[in-house]
Amino acid sequence: MSIFEKRVLIFKEIDPEKEEETGNTVIQVIVSCKKQSIVSEKTEIFNENIEENIPEEFRGRFKLISKPARPVSNISRNKYNNRGVWEFIVEPENIKENEKKEKPKTTRTRRKTKNINSTSQE
């Protein structure tokens, strides 16, 4: 059993200047735990794949925006945090479909022509 509590928040991104939705969906995955109170408690460091916590409907079309600077752990040291927030932005589906339709240009090498006049008569 893990000591880490995970929460997934999904919301629409809002443009601060216009105070309108931009159409992009932002996913926040928050992982937290209680600090180690006594030395005999087991120390744990969060090292799971955070992308597994993203809902199925957004899989394959998200991009990492930010992640915690320090690892999430119950250890009481300066190089660990007891709370971490990962932020992802979800790309719209129609953009992904357009990317799949475009084919890369192919190049072909030309066949070398035989030079008939290369035989010399002496």
PDB file of N, CA and C in Angstrom:
ATOM      1  N   MET A   1       0.832  -1.181   0.000  1.00  0.00           N
ATOM      2  CA  MET A   1       0.000   0.000   0.000  1.00  0.00           C
ATOM      3  C   MET A   1       0.879   1.249   0.000  1.00  0.00           C
ATOM      4  N   SER A   2       0.533   2.179  -0.834  1.00  0.00           N
ATOM      5  CA  SER A   2       1.324   3.389  -0.981  1.00  0.00           C
ATOM      6  C   SER A   2       0.834   4.476  -0.021  1.00  0.00           C
ATOM      7  N   ILE A   3       1.748   5.294   0.440  1.00  0.00           N
ATOM      8  CA  ILE A   3       1.389   6.390   1.336  1.00  0.00           C
ATOM      9  C   ILE A   3       1.011   7.650   0.559  1.00  0.00           C
ATOM     10  N   PHE A   4       1.157   7.604  -0.755  1.00  0.00           N
ATOM     11  CA  PHE A   4       0.926   8.779  -1.574  1.00  0.00           C
ATOM     12  C   PHE A   4      -0.538   8.919  -1.958  1.00  0.00           C
ATOM     13  N   GLU A   5      -1.041  10.124  -1.823  1.00  0.00           N
ATOM     14  CA  GLU A   5      -2.406  10.437  -2.229  1.00  0.00           C
ATOM     15  C   GLU A   5      -2.328  11.148  -3.572  1.00  0.00           C
ATOM     16  N   LYS A   6      -3.097  10.656  -4.555  1.00  0.00           N
ATOM     17  CA  LYS A   6      -3.063  11.240  -5.894  1.00  0.00           C
ATOM     18  C   LYS A   6      -4.424  11.835  -6.222  1.00  0.00           C
ATOM     19  N   ARG A   7      -4.396  13.028  -6.797  1.00  0.00           N
ATOM     20  CA  ARG A   7      -5.614  13.675  -7.267  1.00  0.00           C
ATOM     21  C   ARG A   7      -5.385  14.164  -8.691  1.00  0.00           C
ATOM     22  N   VAL A   8      -6.394  14.018  -9.527  1.00  0.00           N
ATOM     23  CA  VAL A   8      -6.322  14.487 -10.912  1.00  0.00           C
ATOM     24  C   VAL A   8      -7.380  15.562 -11.098  1.00  0.00           C
ATOM     25  N   LEU A   9      -6.952  16.749 -11.511  1.00  0.00           N
ATOM     26  CA  LEU A   9      -7.859  17.864 -11.757  1.00  0.00           C
ATOM     27  C   LEU A   9      -7.834  18.189 -13.246  1.00  0.00           C
ATOM     28  N   ILE A  10      -9.011  18.337 -13.842  1.00  0.00           N
ATOM     29  CA  ILE A  10      -9.126  18.662 -15.260  1.00  0.00           C
ATOM     30  C   ILE A  10      -9.919  19.958 -15.369  1.00  0.00           C
ATOM     31  N   PHE A  11      -9.367  20.929 -16.082  1.00  0.00           N
ATOM     32  CA  PHE A  11     -10.077  22.186 -16.250  1.00  0.00           C
ATOM     33  C   PHE A  11      -9.685  22.837 -17.564  1.00  0.00           C
ATOM     34  N   LYS A  12     -10.482  23.813 -17.983  1.00  0.00           N
ATOM     35  CA  LYS A  12     -10.222  24.552 -19.219  1.00  0.00           C
ATOM     36  C   LYS A  12      -9.261  25.701 -18.919  1.00  0.00           C
ATOM     37  N   GLU A  13      -8.332  25.922 -19.831  1.00  0.00           N
ATOM     38  CA  GLU A  13      -7.379  27.008 -19.680  1.00  0.00           C
ATOM     39  C   GLU A  13      -8.074  28.335 -19.972  1.00  0.00           C
ATOM     40  N   ILE A  14      -7.782  29.350 -19.162  1.00  0.00           N
ATOM     41  CA  ILE A  14      -8.408  30.661 -19.321  1.00  0.00           C
ATOM     42  C   ILE A  14      -7.319  31.690 -19.629  1.00  0.00           C
ATOM     43  N   ASP A  15      -7.558  32.482 -20.666  1.00  0.00           N
ATOM     44  CA  ASP A  15      -6.640  33.549 -21.040  1.00  0.00           C
ATOM     45  C   ASP A  15      -6.798  34.688 -20.041  1.00  0.00           C
ATOM     46  N   PRO A  16      -5.742  35.056 -19.282  1.00  0.00           N
ATOM     47  CA  PRO A  16      -5.897  36.077 -18.239  1.00  0.00           C
ATOM     48  C   PRO A  16      -6.232  37.463 -18.779  1.00  0.00           C
ATOM     49  N   GLU A  17      -5.788  37.781 -20.003  1.00  0.00           N
ATOM     50  CA  GLU A  17      -6.055  39.111 -20.551  1.00  0.00           C
ATOM     51  C   GLU A  17      -7.518  39.267 -20.957  1.00  0.00           C
ATOM     52  N   LYS A  18      -8.057  38.263 -21.657  1.00  0.00           N
ATOM     53  CA  LYS A  18      -9.423  38.355 -22.151  1.00  0.00           C
ATOM     54  C   LYS A  18     -10.444  37.727 -21.208  1.00  0.00           C
ATOM     55  N   GLU A  19      -9.963  36.970 -20.238  1.00  0.00           N
ATOM     56  CA  GLU A  19     -10.802  36.233 -19.295  1.00  0.00           C
ATOM     57  C   GLU A  19     -11.793  35.322 -20.017  1.00  0.00           C
ATOM     58  N   GLU A  20     -11.316  34.706 -21.079  1.00  0.00           N
ATOM     59  CA  GLU A  20     -12.122  33.757 -21.841  1.00  0.00           C
ATOM     60  C   GLU A  20     -11.370  32.441 -21.939  1.00  0.00           C
ATOM     61  N   GLU A  21     -12.131  31.382 -22.212  1.00  0.00           N
ATOM     62  CA  GLU A  21     -11.507  30.079 -22.390  1.00  0.00           C
ATOM     63  C   GLU A  21     -10.752  30.050 -23.706  1.00  0.00           C
ATOM     64  N   THR A  22      -9.563  29.441 -23.694  1.00  0.00           N
ATOM     65  CA  THR A  22      -8.760  29.346 -24.909  1.00  0.00           C
ATOM     66  C   THR A  22      -9.081  28.094 -25.707  1.00  0.00           C
ATOM     67  N   GLY A  23      -9.817  27.166 -25.128  1.00  0.00           N
ATOM     68  CA  GLY A  23     -10.149  25.918 -25.815  1.00  0.00           C
ATOM     69  C   GLY A  23      -9.220  24.780 -25.446  1.00  0.00           C
ATOM     70  N   ASN A  24      -8.132  25.079 -24.782  1.00  0.00           N
ATOM     71  CA  ASN A  24      -7.199  24.037 -24.359  1.00  0.00           C
ATOM     72  C   ASN A  24      -7.614  23.473 -23.005  1.00  0.00           C
ATOM     73  N   THR A  25      -7.424  22.188 -22.844  1.00  0.00           N
ATOM     74  CA  THR A  25      -7.718  21.539 -21.569  1.00  0.00           C
ATOM     75  C   THR A  25      -6.407  21.330 -20.827  1.00  0.00           C
ATOM     76  N   VAL A  26      -6.397  21.650 -19.534  1.00  0.00           N
ATOM     77  CA  VAL A  26      -5.218  21.482 -18.699  1.00  0.00           C
ATOM     78  C   VAL A  26      -5.518  20.406 -17.662  1.00  0.00           C
ATOM     79  N   ILE A  27      -4.562  19.502 -17.480  1.00  0.00           N
ATOM     80  CA  ILE A  27      -4.699  18.436 -16.485  1.00  0.00           C
ATOM     81  C   ILE A  27      -3.627  18.650 -15.426  1.00  0.00           C
ATOM     82  N   GLN A  28      -4.037  18.658 -14.173  1.00  0.00           N
ATOM     83  CA  GLN A  28      -3.094  18.731 -13.064  1.00  0.00           C
ATOM     84  C   GLN A  28      -3.157  17.421 -12.301  1.00  0.00           C
ATOM     85  N   VAL A  29      -1.991  16.825 -12.076  1.00  0.00           N
ATOM     86  CA  VAL A  29      -1.898  15.636 -11.241  1.00  0.00           C
ATOM     87  C   VAL A  29      -1.141  16.058  -9.981  1.00  0.00           C
ATOM     88  N   ILE A  30      -1.813  15.948  -8.843  1.00  0.00           N
ATOM     89  CA  ILE A  30      -1.231  16.369  -7.564  1.00  0.00           C
ATOM     90  C   ILE A  30      -0.943  15.128  -6.732  1.00  0.00           C
ATOM     91  N   VAL A  31       0.301  15.003  -6.296  1.00  0.00           N
ATOM     92  CA  VAL A  31       0.713  13.879  -5.455  1.00  0.00           C
ATOM     93  C   VAL A  31       1.205  14.462  -4.135  1.00  0.00           C
ATOM     94  N   SER A  32       0.685  13.939  -3.029  1.00  0.00           N
ATOM     95  CA  SER A  32       1.109  14.436  -1.719  1.00  0.00           C
ATOM     96  C   SER A  32       1.204  13.291  -0.728  1.00  0.00           C
ATOM     97  N   CYS A  33       1.926  13.540   0.358  1.00  0.00           N
ATOM     98  CA  CYS A  33       2.058  12.556   1.435  1.00  0.00           C
ATOM     99  C   CYS A  33       2.397  13.295   2.720  1.00  0.00           C
ATOM    100  N   LYS A  34       2.226  12.602   3.835  1.00  0.00           N
ATOM    101  CA  LYS A  34       2.579  13.182   5.127  1.00  0.00           C
ATOM    102  C   LYS A  34       4.075  13.017   5.349  1.00  0.00           C
ATOM    103  N   LYS A  35       4.674  13.987   6.041  1.00  0.00           N
ATOM    104  CA  LYS A  35       6.094  13.918   6.366  1.00  0.00           C
ATOM    105  C   LYS A  35       6.348  12.782   7.357  1.00  0.00           C
ATOM    106  N   GLN A  36       7.525  12.244   7.323  1.00  0.00           N
ATOM    107  CA  GLN A  36       7.943  11.181   8.230  1.00  0.00           C
ATOM    108  C   GLN A  36       8.061  11.780   9.639  1.00  0.00           C
ATOM    109  N   SER A  37       7.279  11.248  10.590  1.00  0.00           N
ATOM    110  CA  SER A  37       7.282  11.836  11.933  1.00  0.00           C
ATOM    111  C   SER A  37       8.342  11.204  12.847  1.00  0.00           C
ATOM    112  N   ILE A  38       8.585   9.915  12.686  1.00  0.00           N
ATOM    113  CA  ILE A  38       9.634   9.262  13.483  1.00  0.00           C
ATOM    114  C   ILE A  38      10.554   8.487  12.539  1.00  0.00           C
ATOM    115  N   VAL A  39      11.756   8.259  12.965  1.00  0.00           N
ATOM    116  CA  VAL A  39      12.776   7.641  12.117  1.00  0.00           C
ATOM    117  C   VAL A  39      12.424   6.204  11.753  1.00  0.00           C
ATOM    118  N   SER A  40      11.685   5.510  12.586  1.00  0.00           N
ATOM    119  CA  SER A  40      11.373   4.109  12.317  1.00  0.00           C
ATOM    120  C   SER A  40      10.335   3.926  11.201  1.00  0.00           C
ATOM    121  N   GLU A  41       9.670   5.007  10.787  1.00  0.00           N
ATOM    122  CA  GLU A  41       8.728   4.916   9.668  1.00  0.00           C
ATOM    123  C   GLU A  41       9.484   4.667   8.375  1.00  0.00           C
ATOM    124  N   LYS A  42       8.847   3.933   7.487  1.00  0.00           N
ATOM    125  CA  LYS A  42       9.461   3.609   6.209  1.00  0.00           C
ATOM    126  C   LYS A  42       9.544   4.869   5.335  1.00  0.00           C
ATOM    127  N   THR A  43      10.715   5.089   4.730  1.00  0.00           N
ATOM    128  CA  THR A  43      10.863   6.225   3.820  1.00  0.00           C
ATOM    129  C   THR A  43      10.470   5.786   2.413  1.00  0.00           C
ATOM    130  N   GLU A  44       9.708   6.633   1.746  1.00  0.00           N
ATOM    131  CA  GLU A  44       9.272   6.326   0.392  1.00  0.00           C
ATOM    132  C   GLU A  44       9.479   7.535  -0.498  1.00  0.00           C
ATOM    133  N   ILE A  45       9.885   7.266  -1.730  1.00  0.00           N
ATOM    134  CA  ILE A  45      10.049   8.306  -2.739  1.00  0.00           C
ATOM    135  C   ILE A  45       9.116   7.962  -3.890  1.00  0.00           C
ATOM    136  N   PHE A  46       8.353   8.935  -4.353  1.00  0.00           N
ATOM    137  CA  PHE A  46       7.408   8.717  -5.440  1.00  0.00           C
ATOM    138  C   PHE A  46       8.186   8.614  -6.748  1.00  0.00           C
ATOM    139  N   ASN A  47       8.126   7.438  -7.371  1.00  0.00           N
ATOM    140  CA  ASN A  47       8.840   7.252  -8.632  1.00  0.00           C
ATOM    141  C   ASN A  47       7.979   6.514  -9.653  1.00  0.00           C
ATOM    142  N   GLU A  48       6.667   6.604  -9.508  1.00  0.00           N
ATOM    143  CA  GLU A  48       5.762   5.972 -10.467  1.00  0.00           C
ATOM    144  C   GLU A  48       5.695   6.798 -11.743  1.00  0.00           C
ATOM    145  N   ASN A  49       5.212   6.170 -12.811  1.00  0.00           N
ATOM    146  CA  ASN A  49       4.991   6.895 -14.059  1.00  0.00           C
ATOM    147  C   ASN A  49       3.733   7.741 -13.881  1.00  0.00           C
ATOM    148  N   ILE A  50       3.896   9.043 -13.852  1.00  0.00           N
ATOM    149  CA  ILE A  50       2.781   9.955 -13.568  1.00  0.00           C
ATOM    150  C   ILE A  50       1.757   9.948 -14.697  1.00  0.00           C
ATOM    151  N   GLU A  51       2.173   9.600 -15.904  1.00  0.00           N
ATOM    152  CA  GLU A  51       1.268   9.621 -17.057  1.00  0.00           C
ATOM    153  C   GLU A  51       0.188   8.549 -16.962  1.00  0.00           C
ATOM    154  N   GLU A  52       0.369   7.549 -16.123  1.00  0.00           N
ATOM    155  CA  GLU A  52      -0.646   6.513 -15.934  1.00  0.00           C
ATOM    156  C   GLU A  52      -1.884   7.047 -15.207  1.00  0.00           C
ATOM    157  N   ASN A  53      -1.756   8.189 -14.544  1.00  0.00           N
ATOM    158  CA  ASN A  53      -2.876   8.779 -13.805  1.00  0.00           C
ATOM    159  C   ASN A  53      -3.768   9.656 -14.678  1.00  0.00           C
ATOM    160  N   ILE A  54      -3.370   9.879 -15.914  1.00  0.00           N
ATOM    161  CA  ILE A  54      -4.170  10.702 -16.829  1.00  0.00           C
ATOM    162  C   ILE A  54      -5.309   9.856 -17.374  1.00  0.00           C
ATOM    163  N   PRO A  55      -6.528  10.404 -17.443  1.00  0.00           N
ATOM    164  CA  PRO A  55      -7.674   9.643 -17.943  1.00  0.00           C
ATOM    165  C   PRO A  55      -7.457   9.122 -19.364  1.00  0.00           C
ATOM    166  N   GLU A  56      -8.098   7.991 -19.675  1.00  0.00           N
ATOM    167  CA  GLU A  56      -7.951   7.321 -20.969  1.00  0.00           C
ATOM    168  C   GLU A  56      -8.284   8.224 -22.149  1.00  0.00           C
ATOM    169  N   GLU A  57      -9.280   9.084 -21.999  1.00  0.00           N
ATOM    170  CA  GLU A  57      -9.733   9.900 -23.128  1.00  0.00           C
ATOM    171  C   GLU A  57      -8.682  10.906 -23.600  1.00  0.00           C
ATOM    172  N   PHE A  58      -7.680  11.201 -22.759  1.00  0.00           N
ATOM    173  CA  PHE A  58      -6.641  12.163 -23.126  1.00  0.00           C
ATOM    174  C   PHE A  58      -5.310  11.494 -23.446  1.00  0.00           C
ATOM    175  N   ARG A  59      -5.222  10.198 -23.361  1.00  0.00           N
ATOM    176  CA  ARG A  59      -3.957   9.502 -23.585  1.00  0.00           C
ATOM    177  C   ARG A  59      -3.453   9.717 -25.009  1.00  0.00           C
ATOM    178  N   GLY A  60      -2.177   9.966 -25.135  1.00  0.00           N
ATOM    179  CA  GLY A  60      -1.556  10.124 -26.430  1.00  0.00           C
ATOM    180  C   GLY A  60      -1.659  11.513 -27.024  1.00  0.00           C
ATOM    181  N   ARG A  61      -2.384  12.429 -26.392  1.00  0.00           N
ATOM    182  CA  ARG A  61      -2.497  13.772 -26.949  1.00  0.00           C
ATOM    183  C   ARG A  61      -2.227  14.853 -25.913  1.00  0.00           C
ATOM    184  N   PHE A  62      -1.323  14.603 -24.992  1.00  0.00           N
ATOM    185  CA  PHE A  62      -1.000  15.596 -23.984  1.00  0.00           C
ATOM    186  C   PHE A  62       0.488  15.914 -24.005  1.00  0.00           C
ATOM    187  N   LYS A  63       0.824  17.085 -23.476  1.00  0.00           N
ATOM    188  CA  LYS A  63       2.208  17.528 -23.427  1.00  0.00           C
ATOM    189  C   LYS A  63       2.486  18.065 -22.027  1.00  0.00           C
ATOM    190  N   LEU A  64       3.624  17.694 -21.462  1.00  0.00           N
ATOM    191  CA  LEU A  64       4.002  18.136 -20.120  1.00  0.00           C
ATOM    192  C   LEU A  64       4.376  19.615 -20.140  1.00  0.00           C
ATOM    193  N   ILE A  65       3.728  20.392 -19.257  1.00  0.00           N
ATOM    194  CA  ILE A  65       4.028  21.823 -19.141  1.00  0.00           C
ATOM    195  C   ILE A  65       5.002  22.058 -17.994  1.00  0.00           C
ATOM    196  N   SER A  66       4.672  21.498 -16.823  1.00  0.00           N
ATOM    197  CA  SER A  66       5.534  21.710 -15.659  1.00  0.00           C
ATOM    198  C   SER A  66       5.499  20.484 -14.757  1.00  0.00           C
ATOM    199  N   LYS A  67       6.566  20.354 -13.972  1.00  0.00           N
ATOM    200  CA  LYS A  67       6.675  19.267 -13.003  1.00  0.00           C
ATOM    201  C   LYS A  67       7.407  19.802 -11.783  1.00  0.00           C
ATOM    202  N   PRO A  68       7.347  19.090 -10.653  1.00  0.00           N
ATOM    203  CA  PRO A  68       8.011  19.604  -9.450  1.00  0.00           C
ATOM    204  C   PRO A  68       9.532  19.604  -9.615  1.00  0.00           C
ATOM    205  N   ALA A  69      10.173  20.586  -9.008  1.00  0.00           N
ATOM    206  CA  ALA A  69      11.627  20.713  -9.100  1.00  0.00           C
ATOM    207  C   ALA A  69      12.341  19.645  -8.274  1.00  0.00           C
ATOM    208  N   ARG A  70      11.712  19.230  -7.182  1.00  0.00           N
ATOM    209  CA  ARG A  70      12.317  18.224  -6.301  1.00  0.00           C
ATOM    210  C   ARG A  70      11.433  16.990  -6.230  1.00  0.00           C
ATOM    211  N   PRO A  71      12.006  15.810  -5.984  1.00  0.00           N
ATOM    212  CA  PRO A  71      11.193  14.587  -5.882  1.00  0.00           C
ATOM    213  C   PRO A  71      10.213  14.646  -4.714  1.00  0.00           C
ATOM    214  N   VAL A  72       9.083  13.951  -4.872  1.00  0.00           N
ATOM    215  CA  VAL A  72       8.061  13.897  -3.829  1.00  0.00           C
ATOM    216  C   VAL A  72       8.384  12.720  -2.917  1.00  0.00           C
ATOM    217  N   SER A  73       8.446  12.981  -1.615  1.00  0.00           N
ATOM    218  CA  SER A  73       8.801  11.938  -0.654  1.00  0.00           C
ATOM    219  C   SER A  73       8.301  12.321   0.730  1.00  0.00           C
ATOM    220  N   ASN A  74       8.307  11.342   1.631  1.00  0.00           N
ATOM    221  CA  ASN A  74       7.945  11.622   3.019  1.00  0.00           C
ATOM    222  C   ASN A  74       9.174  11.951   3.869  1.00  0.00           C
ATOM    223  N   ILE A  75      10.332  12.045   3.254  1.00  0.00           N
ATOM    224  CA  ILE A  75      11.583  12.339   3.964  1.00  0.00           C
ATOM    225  C   ILE A  75      11.640  13.829   4.297  1.00  0.00           C
ATOM    226  N   SER A  76      12.065  14.152   5.513  1.00  0.00           N
ATOM    227  CA  SER A  76      12.140  15.550   5.966  1.00  0.00           C
ATOM    228  C   SER A  76      13.513  16.137   5.657  1.00  0.00           C
ATOM    229  N   ARG A  77      13.801  16.340   4.411  1.00  0.00           N
ATOM    230  CA  ARG A  77      15.067  16.940   3.989  1.00  0.00           C
ATOM    231  C   ARG A  77      14.758  18.053   2.984  1.00  0.00           C
ATOM    232  N   ASN A  78      15.730  18.941   2.794  1.00  0.00           N
ATOM    233  CA  ASN A  78      15.531  20.056   1.874  1.00  0.00           C
ATOM    234  C   ASN A  78      15.457  19.619   0.418  1.00  0.00           C
ATOM    235  N   LYS A  79      16.043  18.499   0.071  1.00  0.00           N
ATOM    236  CA  LYS A  79      16.039  18.102  -1.334  1.00  0.00           C
ATOM    237  C   LYS A  79      14.791  17.301  -1.729  1.00  0.00           C
ATOM    238  N   TYR A  80      13.823  17.150  -0.800  1.00  0.00           N
ATOM    239  CA  TYR A  80      12.557  16.458  -1.087  1.00  0.00           C
ATOM    240  C   TYR A  80      11.379  17.357  -0.731  1.00  0.00           C
ATOM    241  N   ASN A  81      10.298  17.179  -1.432  1.00  0.00           N
ATOM    242  CA  ASN A  81       9.040  17.858  -1.148  1.00  0.00           C
ATOM    243  C   ASN A  81       8.007  16.820  -0.753  1.00  0.00           C
ATOM    244  N   ASN A  82       7.008  17.200   0.024  1.00  0.00           N
ATOM    245  CA  ASN A  82       5.947  16.243   0.339  1.00  0.00           C
ATOM    246  C   ASN A  82       4.715  16.462  -0.548  1.00  0.00           C
ATOM    247  N   ARG A  83       4.827  17.387  -1.526  1.00  0.00           N
ATOM    248  CA  ARG A  83       3.728  17.649  -2.460  1.00  0.00           C
ATOM    249  C   ARG A  83       4.322  18.030  -3.812  1.00  0.00           C
ATOM    250  N   GLY A  84       3.761  17.469  -4.862  1.00  0.00           N
ATOM    251  CA  GLY A  84       4.225  17.787  -6.207  1.00  0.00           C
ATOM    252  C   GLY A  84       3.055  17.935  -7.156  1.00  0.00           C
ATOM    253  N   VAL A  85       3.181  18.860  -8.105  1.00  0.00           N
ATOM    254  CA  VAL A  85       2.122  19.111  -9.081  1.00  0.00           C
ATOM    255  C   VAL A  85       2.715  18.994 -10.484  1.00  0.00           C
ATOM    256  N   TRP A  86       2.114  18.120 -11.289  1.00  0.00           N
ATOM    257  CA  TRP A  86       2.468  17.980 -12.690  1.00  0.00           C
ATOM    258  C   TRP A  86       1.340  18.590 -13.504  1.00  0.00           C
ATOM    259  N   GLU A  87       1.679  19.408 -14.500  1.00  0.00           N
ATOM    260  CA  GLU A  87       0.661  20.023 -15.353  1.00  0.00           C
ATOM    261  C   GLU A  87       0.870  19.570 -16.789  1.00  0.00           C
ATOM    262  N   PHE A  88      -0.222  19.174 -17.423  1.00  0.00           N
ATOM    263  CA  PHE A  88      -0.213  18.747 -18.815  1.00  0.00           C
ATOM    264  C   PHE A  88      -1.227  19.576 -19.580  1.00  0.00           C
ATOM    265  N   ILE A  89      -0.947  19.832 -20.855  1.00  0.00           N
ATOM    266  CA  ILE A  89      -1.920  20.489 -21.724  1.00  0.00           C
ATOM    267  C   ILE A  89      -2.346  19.456 -22.758  1.00  0.00           C
ATOM    268  N   VAL A  90      -3.650  19.404 -23.018  1.00  0.00           N
ATOM    269  CA  VAL A  90      -4.199  18.431 -23.958  1.00  0.00           C
ATOM    270  C   VAL A  90      -4.356  19.109 -25.311  1.00  0.00           C
ATOM    271  N   GLU A  91      -3.788  18.490 -26.331  1.00  0.00           N
ATOM    272  CA  GLU A  91      -3.916  19.025 -27.680  1.00  0.00           C
ATOM    273  C   GLU A  91      -5.263  18.603 -28.251  1.00  0.00           C
ATOM    274  N   PRO A  92      -5.913  19.478 -29.005  1.00  0.00           N
ATOM    275  CA  PRO A  92      -7.198  19.116 -29.606  1.00  0.00           C
ATOM    276  C   PRO A  92      -7.053  17.930 -30.568  1.00  0.00           C
ATOM    277  N   GLU A  93      -8.132  17.153 -30.694  1.00  0.00           N
ATOM    278  CA  GLU A  93      -8.089  15.943 -31.524  1.00  0.00           C
ATOM    279  C   GLU A  93      -7.873  16.261 -32.990  1.00  0.00           C
ATOM    280  N   ASN A  94      -8.495  17.323 -33.511  1.00  0.00           N
ATOM    281  CA  ASN A  94      -8.407  17.609 -34.936  1.00  0.00           C
ATOM    282  C   ASN A  94      -6.979  17.928 -35.372  1.00  0.00           C
ATOM    283  N   ILE A  95      -6.152  18.484 -34.509  1.00  0.00           N
ATOM    284  CA  ILE A  95      -4.759  18.749 -34.853  1.00  0.00           C
ATOM    285  C   ILE A  95      -4.015  17.440 -35.041  1.00  0.00           C
ATOM    286  N   LYS A  96      -4.243  16.476 -34.162  1.00  0.00           N
ATOM    287  CA  LYS A  96      -3.586  15.180 -34.276  1.00  0.00           C
ATOM    288  C   LYS A  96      -3.987  14.483 -35.573  1.00  0.00           C
ATOM    289  N   GLU A  97      -5.264  14.598 -35.976  1.00  0.00           N
ATOM    290  CA  GLU A  97      -5.718  13.955 -37.201  1.00  0.00           C
ATOM    291  C   GLU A  97      -5.036  14.570 -38.411  1.00  0.00           C
ATOM    292  N   ASN A  98      -4.867  15.897 -38.408  1.00  0.00           N
ATOM    293  CA  ASN A  98      -4.204  16.565 -39.521  1.00  0.00           C
ATOM    294  C   ASN A  98      -2.741  16.158 -39.631  1.00  0.00           C
ATOM    295  N   GLU A  99      -2.092  15.970 -38.489  1.00  0.00           N
ATOM    296  CA  GLU A  99      -0.696  15.566 -38.509  1.00  0.00           C
ATOM    297  C   GLU A  99      -0.542  14.174 -39.099  1.00  0.00           C
ATOM    298  N   LYS A 100      -1.496  13.294 -38.860  1.00  0.00           N
ATOM    299  CA  LYS A 100      -1.416  11.933 -39.370  1.00  0.00           C
ATOM    300  C   LYS A 100      -1.621  11.891 -40.880  1.00  0.00           C
ATOM    301  N   LYS A 101      -2.422  12.807 -41.424  1.00  0.00           N
ATOM    302  CA  LYS A 101      -2.728  12.803 -42.841  1.00  0.00           C
ATOM    303  C   LYS A 101      -1.545  13.251 -43.687  1.00  0.00           C
ATOM    304  N   GLU A 102      -0.730  14.152 -43.178  1.00  0.00           N
ATOM    305  CA  GLU A 102       0.398  14.654 -43.942  1.00  0.00           C
ATOM    306  C   GLU A 102       1.467  13.578 -44.058  1.00  0.00           C
ATOM    307  N   LYS A 103       1.908  13.341 -45.296  1.00  0.00           N
ATOM    308  CA  LYS A 103       2.960  12.362 -45.525  1.00  0.00           C
ATOM    309  C   LYS A 103       4.255  13.108 -45.806  1.00  0.00           C
ATOM    310  N   PRO A 104       5.351  12.588 -45.322  1.00  0.00           N
ATOM    311  CA  PRO A 104       6.620  13.248 -45.625  1.00  0.00           C
ATOM    312  C   PRO A 104       6.966  13.077 -47.105  1.00  0.00           C
ATOM    313  N   LYS A 105       7.641  14.080 -47.651  1.00  0.00           N
ATOM    314  CA  LYS A 105       8.040  13.998 -49.048  1.00  0.00           C
ATOM    315  C   LYS A 105       9.121  12.943 -49.197  1.00  0.00           C
ATOM    316  N   THR A 106       8.988  12.194 -50.282  1.00  0.00           N
ATOM    317  CA  THR A 106       9.998  11.173 -50.544  1.00  0.00           C
ATOM    318  C   THR A 106      10.899  11.640 -51.673  1.00  0.00           C
ATOM    319  N   THR A 107      12.132  11.293 -51.583  1.00  0.00           N
ATOM    320  CA  THR A 107      13.080  11.634 -52.637  1.00  0.00           C
ATOM    321  C   THR A 107      13.552  10.361 -53.293  1.00  0.00           C
ATOM    322  N   ARG A 108      13.831  10.469 -54.564  1.00  0.00           N
ATOM    323  CA  ARG A 108      14.319   9.309 -55.297  1.00  0.00           C
ATOM    324  C   ARG A 108      15.648   9.661 -55.937  1.00  0.00           C
ATOM    325  N   THR A 109      16.492   8.694 -56.011  1.00  0.00           N
ATOM    326  CA  THR A 109      17.766   8.919 -56.683  1.00  0.00           C
ATOM    327  C   THR A 109      17.604   8.583 -58.156  1.00  0.00           C
ATOM    328  N   ARG A 110      18.220   9.406 -58.988  1.00  0.00           N
ATOM    329  CA  ARG A 110      18.134   9.177 -60.417  1.00  0.00           C
ATOM    330  C   ARG A 110      19.076   8.068 -60.822  1.00  0.00           C
ATOM    331  N   ARG A 111      18.641   7.363 -61.790  1.00  0.00           N
ATOM    332  CA  ARG A 111      19.469   6.302 -62.329  1.00  0.00           C
ATOM    333  C   ARG A 111      20.556   6.937 -63.185  1.00  0.00           C
ATOM    334  N   LYS A 112      21.754   6.433 -63.029  1.00  0.00           N
ATOM    335  CA  LYS A 112      22.852   6.970 -63.812  1.00  0.00           C
ATOM    336  C   LYS A 112      22.687   6.533 -65.264  1.00  0.00           C
ATOM    337  N   THR A 113      22.873   7.476 -66.169  1.00  0.00           N
ATOM    338  CA  THR A 113      22.741   7.148 -67.583  1.00  0.00           C
ATOM    339  C   THR A 113      24.057   6.587 -68.095  1.00  0.00           C
ATOM    340  N   LYS A 114      23.944   5.647 -68.992  1.00  0.00           N
ATOM    341  CA  LYS A 114      25.139   5.072 -69.589  1.00  0.00           C
ATOM    342  C   LYS A 114      25.616   5.999 -70.694  1.00  0.00           C
ATOM    343  N   ASN A 115      26.875   6.210 -70.713  1.00  0.00           N
ATOM    344  CA  ASN A 115      27.459   7.082 -71.715  1.00  0.00           C
ATOM    345  C   ASN A 115      27.904   6.219 -72.894  1.00  0.00           C
ATOM    346  N   ILE A 116      27.189   6.303 -73.991  1.00  0.00           N
ATOM    347  CA  ILE A 116      27.481   5.468 -75.162  1.00  0.00           C
ATOM    348  C   ILE A 116      28.755   5.953 -75.857  1.00  0.00           C
ATOM    349  N   ASN A 117      29.020   7.204 -75.834  1.00  0.00           N
ATOM    350  CA  ASN A 117      30.174   7.757 -76.529  1.00  0.00           C
ATOM    351  C   ASN A 117      31.465   7.575 -75.766  1.00  0.00           C
ATOM    352  N   SER A 118      31.435   6.856 -74.720  1.00  0.00           N
ATOM    353  CA  SER A 118      32.644   6.707 -73.899  1.00  0.00           C
ATOM    354  C   SER A 118      33.657   5.748 -74.500  1.00  0.00           C
ATOM    355  N   THR A 119      33.255   4.937 -75.479  1.00  0.00           N
ATOM    356  CA  THR A 119      34.233   4.034 -76.075  1.00  0.00           C
ATOM    357  C   THR A 119      35.116   4.818 -77.014  1.00  0.00           C
ATOM    358  N   SER A 120      36.363   4.672 -76.862  1.00  0.00           N
ATOM    359  CA  SER A 120      37.296   5.450 -77.684  1.00  0.00           C
ATOM    360  C   SER A 120      37.827   4.603 -78.820  1.00  0.00           C
ATOM    361  N   GLN A 121      37.865   5.172 -79.978  1.00  0.00           N
ATOM    362  CA  GLN A 121      38.406   4.484 -81.153  1.00  0.00           C
ATOM    363  C   GLN A 121      39.739   5.105 -81.476  1.00  0.00           C
ATOM    364  N   GLU A 122      40.705   4.268 -81.644  1.00  0.00           N
ATOM    365  CA  GLU A 122      42.026   4.784 -81.931  1.00  0.00           C
ATOM    366  C   GLU A 122      42.566   4.220 -83.190  1.00  0.00           C
TER     367      GLU A 122
END
